[in-house]
Protein backbone atom coordinates (compact mmCIF):
# COMPACT_ATOMS: atom_id res chain seq x y z
CA UNK A 1 -0.04 -0.04 -0.08
CA UNK A 2 1.35 3.31 -1.08
CA UNK A 3 1.65 6.38 1.36
CA UNK A 4 -1.22 8.32 -0.24
CA UNK A 5 -3.54 5.16 0.14
CA UNK A 6 -2.43 4.65 3.69
CA UNK A 7 -3.15 8.26 4.59
CA UNK A 8 -6.51 8.08 2.92
CA UNK A 9 -7.43 4.89 4.77
CA UNK A 10 -6.39 6.45 8.16
CA UNK A 11 -8.62 9.41 7.40
CA UNK A 12 -11.55 7.08 6.74
CA UNK A 13 -10.89 4.90 9.93
CA UNK A 14 -10.57 8.09 12.04
CA UNK A 15 -14.03 9.25 10.67
CA UNK A 16 -15.41 5.82 11.54
CA UNK A 17 -13.97 5.99 15.09
CA UNK A 18 -15.44 9.41 15.59
CA UNK A 19 -18.86 8.04 14.54
CA UNK A 20 -18.53 5.22 17.14
CA UNK A 21 -17.53 7.67 19.88
CA UNK A 22 -20.60 9.81 18.93
CA UNK A 23 -22.75 6.63 19.27
CA UNK A 24 -21.27 5.77 22.67
CA UNK A 25 -21.79 9.34 24.04
CA UNK A 26 -25.41 9.30 22.80
CA UNK A 27 -26.09 5.94 24.58
CA UNK A 28 -26.31 3.72 21.48
CA UNK A 29 -23.06 1.78 22.43
CA UNK A 30 -22.47 0.14 25.80
CA UNK A 31 -18.65 0.99 25.92
CA UNK A 32 -16.25 3.41 24.15
CA UNK A 33 -14.21 2.03 21.41
CA UNK A 34 -10.86 2.45 23.22
CA UNK A 35 -9.08 -0.68 21.61
CA UNK A 36 -9.76 0.75 17.99
CA UNK A 37 -8.56 4.11 19.23
CA UNK A 38 -5.23 2.65 20.70
CA UNK A 39 -4.68 0.71 17.39
CA UNK A 40 -5.19 3.91 15.30
CA UNK A 41 -3.07 5.88 17.53
CA UNK A 42 -0.12 3.43 16.91
CA UNK A 43 -0.80 3.50 13.23
CA UNK A 44 -0.93 7.38 13.14
CA UNK A 45 2.43 7.55 15.04
CA UNK A 46 4.12 4.75 12.96
CA UNK A 47 3.14 6.57 9.77
CA UNK A 48 4.83 9.71 11.09
CA UNK A 49 8.18 7.96 11.29
CA UNK A 50 8.22 7.18 7.53
CA UNK A 51 11.25 8.89 6.09
CA UNK A 52 10.48 8.95 2.48
CA UNK A 53 7.41 11.22 2.48
CA UNK A 54 7.12 13.74 -0.28
CA UNK A 55 6.26 17.23 0.80
CA UNK A 56 2.64 17.10 -0.34
CA UNK A 57 2.28 13.80 1.60
CA UNK A 58 3.78 15.41 4.76
CA UNK A 59 1.28 18.25 4.61
CA UNK A 60 -1.50 15.67 4.36
CA UNK A 61 -0.03 13.61 7.23
CA UNK A 62 0.38 16.79 9.50
CA UNK A 63 -3.23 17.68 8.76
CA UNK A 64 -4.40 14.33 9.65
CA UNK A 65 -2.22 14.39 12.90
CA UNK A 66 -3.65 17.78 13.98
CA UNK A 67 -7.13 16.41 13.63
CA UNK A 68 -6.38 13.20 15.44
CA UNK A 69 -4.98 15.28 18.39
CA UNK A 70 -8.07 17.52 18.47
CA UNK A 71 -10.36 14.48 18.49
CA UNK A 72 -8.31 12.77 21.18
CA UNK A 73 -8.40 15.81 23.47
CA UNK A 74 -12.29 16.20 22.96
CA UNK A 75 -12.77 12.53 23.52
CA UNK A 76 -10.79 12.57 26.66
CA UNK A 77 -12.67 15.59 28.08
CA UNK A 78 -16.06 14.05 27.26
CA UNK A 79 -15.03 10.73 28.87
CA UNK A 80 -13.93 12.51 32.05
CA UNK A 81 -17.13 14.57 32.20
CA UNK A 82 -19.09 11.30 31.83
CA UNK A 83 -17.13 9.63 34.54
CA UNK A 84 -17.58 12.63 36.92
CA UNK A 85 -21.33 12.72 36.03
CA UNK A 86 -21.63 9.02 37.07
CA UNK A 87 -20.01 9.50 40.45
CA UNK A 88 -22.01 12.61 41.40
CA UNK A 89 -25.25 11.12 42.16
CA UNK A 90 -23.86 8.47 44.50
CA UNK A 91 -21.78 11.15 46.34
CA UNK A 92 -24.99 13.32 46.60
CA UNK A 93 -27.00 10.37 47.96
CA UNK A 94 -24.25 9.65 50.56
CA UNK A 95 -24.04 13.24 51.78
CA UNK A 96 -27.87 13.31 52.09
CA UNK A 97 -27.90 10.37 54.50
CA UNK A 98 -25.07 11.59 56.57
CA UNK A 99 -26.08 13.57 59.71
CA UNK A 100 -25.33 17.20 59.60
CA UNK A 101 -22.47 18.40 61.90
CA UNK A 102 -22.07 21.82 63.26
CA UNK A 103 -18.53 23.17 63.18
CA UNK A 104 -17.01 24.59 66.35
CA UNK A 105 -16.17 27.71 64.50
CA UNK A 106 -16.72 29.03 60.98
CA UNK A 107 -13.88 27.74 58.76
CA UNK A 108 -11.81 30.37 56.94
CA UNK A 109 -12.35 30.54 53.25
CA UNK A 110 -9.46 29.25 51.23
CA UNK A 111 -7.06 31.85 49.79
CA UNK A 112 -7.82 32.71 46.20
CA UNK A 113 -5.33 31.24 43.72
CA UNK A 114 -4.77 32.42 40.21
CA UNK A 115 -6.36 29.83 37.81
CA UNK A 116 -3.73 28.09 35.58
CA UNK A 117 -4.26 28.51 31.79
CA UNK A 118 -5.07 25.20 30.28
CA UNK A 119 -3.29 25.29 26.89
CA UNK A 120 -2.70 22.31 24.38
CA UNK A 121 -0.91 22.87 21.09
CA UNK A 122 -3.12 21.64 18.14
CA UNK A 123 -1.19 22.83 15.00
CA UNK A 124 1.88 24.73 13.96
CA UNK A 125 3.28 26.29 10.75
CA UNK A 126 5.85 28.75 9.70
CA UNK A 127 4.81 31.22 6.98
CA UNK A 128 6.97 33.48 4.89
CA UNK A 129 4.24 35.16 2.99
CA UNK A 130 0.52 34.44 3.06
CA UNK A 131 0.17 34.53 -0.71
CA UNK A 132 3.30 32.58 -1.58
CA UNK A 133 2.84 29.76 1.19
CA UNK A 134 -0.47 28.37 -0.18
CA UNK A 135 -0.08 24.76 0.75
CA UNK A 136 1.24 25.54 4.31
CA UNK A 137 -1.56 27.94 4.81
CA UNK A 138 -4.26 25.61 3.33
CA UNK A 139 -3.18 22.79 5.71
CA UNK A 140 -3.04 25.20 8.74
CA UNK A 141 -6.52 26.46 7.77
CA UNK A 142 -8.08 22.90 7.59
CA UNK A 143 -6.73 22.22 11.08
CA UNK A 144 -8.24 25.53 12.25
CA UNK A 145 -11.62 24.57 10.84
CA UNK A 146 -11.56 21.11 12.31
CA UNK A 147 -10.59 22.49 15.77
CA UNK A 148 -13.48 25.08 15.68
CA UNK A 149 -16.08 22.44 14.57
CA UNK A 150 -15.04 19.99 17.22
CA UNK A 151 -15.00 22.69 19.83
CA UNK A 152 -18.46 23.85 18.91
CA UNK A 153 -17.55 27.32 18.09
CA UNK A 154 -19.96 27.94 15.32
CA UNK A 155 -19.36 29.24 11.73
CA UNK A 156 -15.68 29.68 10.94
CA UNK A 157 -14.37 32.48 8.56
CA UNK A 158 -13.58 31.79 4.93
CA UNK A 159 -10.08 31.05 3.75
CA UNK A 160 -9.86 34.58 2.32
CA UNK A 161 -10.65 36.05 5.71
CA UNK A 162 -8.31 33.72 7.54
CA UNK A 163 -5.52 34.64 5.16
CA UNK A 164 -6.17 38.27 5.69
CA UNK A 165 -5.95 37.73 9.41
CA UNK A 166 -2.59 35.93 9.00
CA UNK A 167 -1.28 38.80 6.92
CA UNK A 168 -2.44 41.24 9.55
CA UNK A 169 -0.52 39.27 12.27
CA UNK A 170 2.53 39.03 10.12
CA UNK A 171 2.60 42.82 9.36
CA UNK A 172 2.16 43.68 13.12
CA UNK A 173 5.08 41.28 14.08
CA UNK A 174 7.45 42.57 11.29
CA UNK A 175 6.86 46.19 12.50
CA UNK A 176 8.50 45.15 15.83
CA UNK A 177 10.99 42.46 14.77
CA UNK A 178 12.87 41.56 11.69
CA UNK A 179 12.22 37.97 10.67
CA UNK A 180 12.06 35.78 7.52
CA UNK A 181 9.26 33.79 8.69
CA UNK A 182 6.45 34.06 11.34
CA UNK A 183 5.68 31.05 13.66
CA UNK A 184 1.94 30.51 13.87
CA UNK A 185 0.43 28.11 16.45
CA UNK A 186 -3.17 27.01 17.08
CA UNK A 187 -4.03 26.11 20.80
CA UNK A 188 -6.95 24.74 22.65
CA UNK A 189 -6.75 27.31 25.47
CA UNK A 190 -9.27 27.50 28.37
CA UNK A 191 -11.86 25.52 26.19
CA UNK A 192 -11.46 28.11 23.36
CA UNK A 193 -9.48 27.86 20.09
CA UNK A 194 -6.75 30.46 20.08
CA UNK A 195 -4.28 31.60 17.23
CA UNK A 196 -0.88 32.88 18.42
CA UNK A 197 2.01 34.20 16.29
CA UNK A 198 5.51 35.26 17.00
CA UNK A 199 8.88 35.85 15.03
CA UNK A 200 10.57 32.58 14.02
CA UNK A 201 14.11 32.45 15.55
CA UNK A 202 17.00 31.70 13.46
CA UNK A 203 17.72 28.49 15.26
CA UNK A 204 14.16 27.33 14.90
CA UNK A 205 14.25 28.24 11.30
CA UNK A 206 17.26 26.36 10.59
CA UNK A 207 15.92 23.03 12.46
């Protein structure tokens, strides 16, 4: 099987797995398809170690990997929420049957702590020019669309508006720093999709 066929097959298998998870979360399946997920995770990682990928194949694989990471993050969150929801009723019943105790004195409220920022990297690309770097930008845009869709953030901007926003970020960064390329990263940050940009350092550009 060629690399193009293997990438296409993985795309199809990931879509089928997503449908199975949706069926599980809706109550149509008795248990989550964790074994299939583990098998696909190994295949996705093994494919990434292939050395003879062409440039176009590498872009397709990176796009597939970004979507796989997004799906995995959302499945983990929904599985955790489901487990917490199953524990809550039993805990509430136990508290209801326990006799109430009156504390000797009011307890002091805990000191407020700054909440930590929950951030997960979903996709990354380095852009020299938003017009010339079409393949890189298209792959990054597909990852952006998949992230917004899976995170339930509604209608996404068109590719033209997305490219305009990329150009705006690049112009603002190059006013402050001289750089050949700009490093763009897509994060899941505090349950929202966030786009970050910064100058690409020389050592990163050479790696």
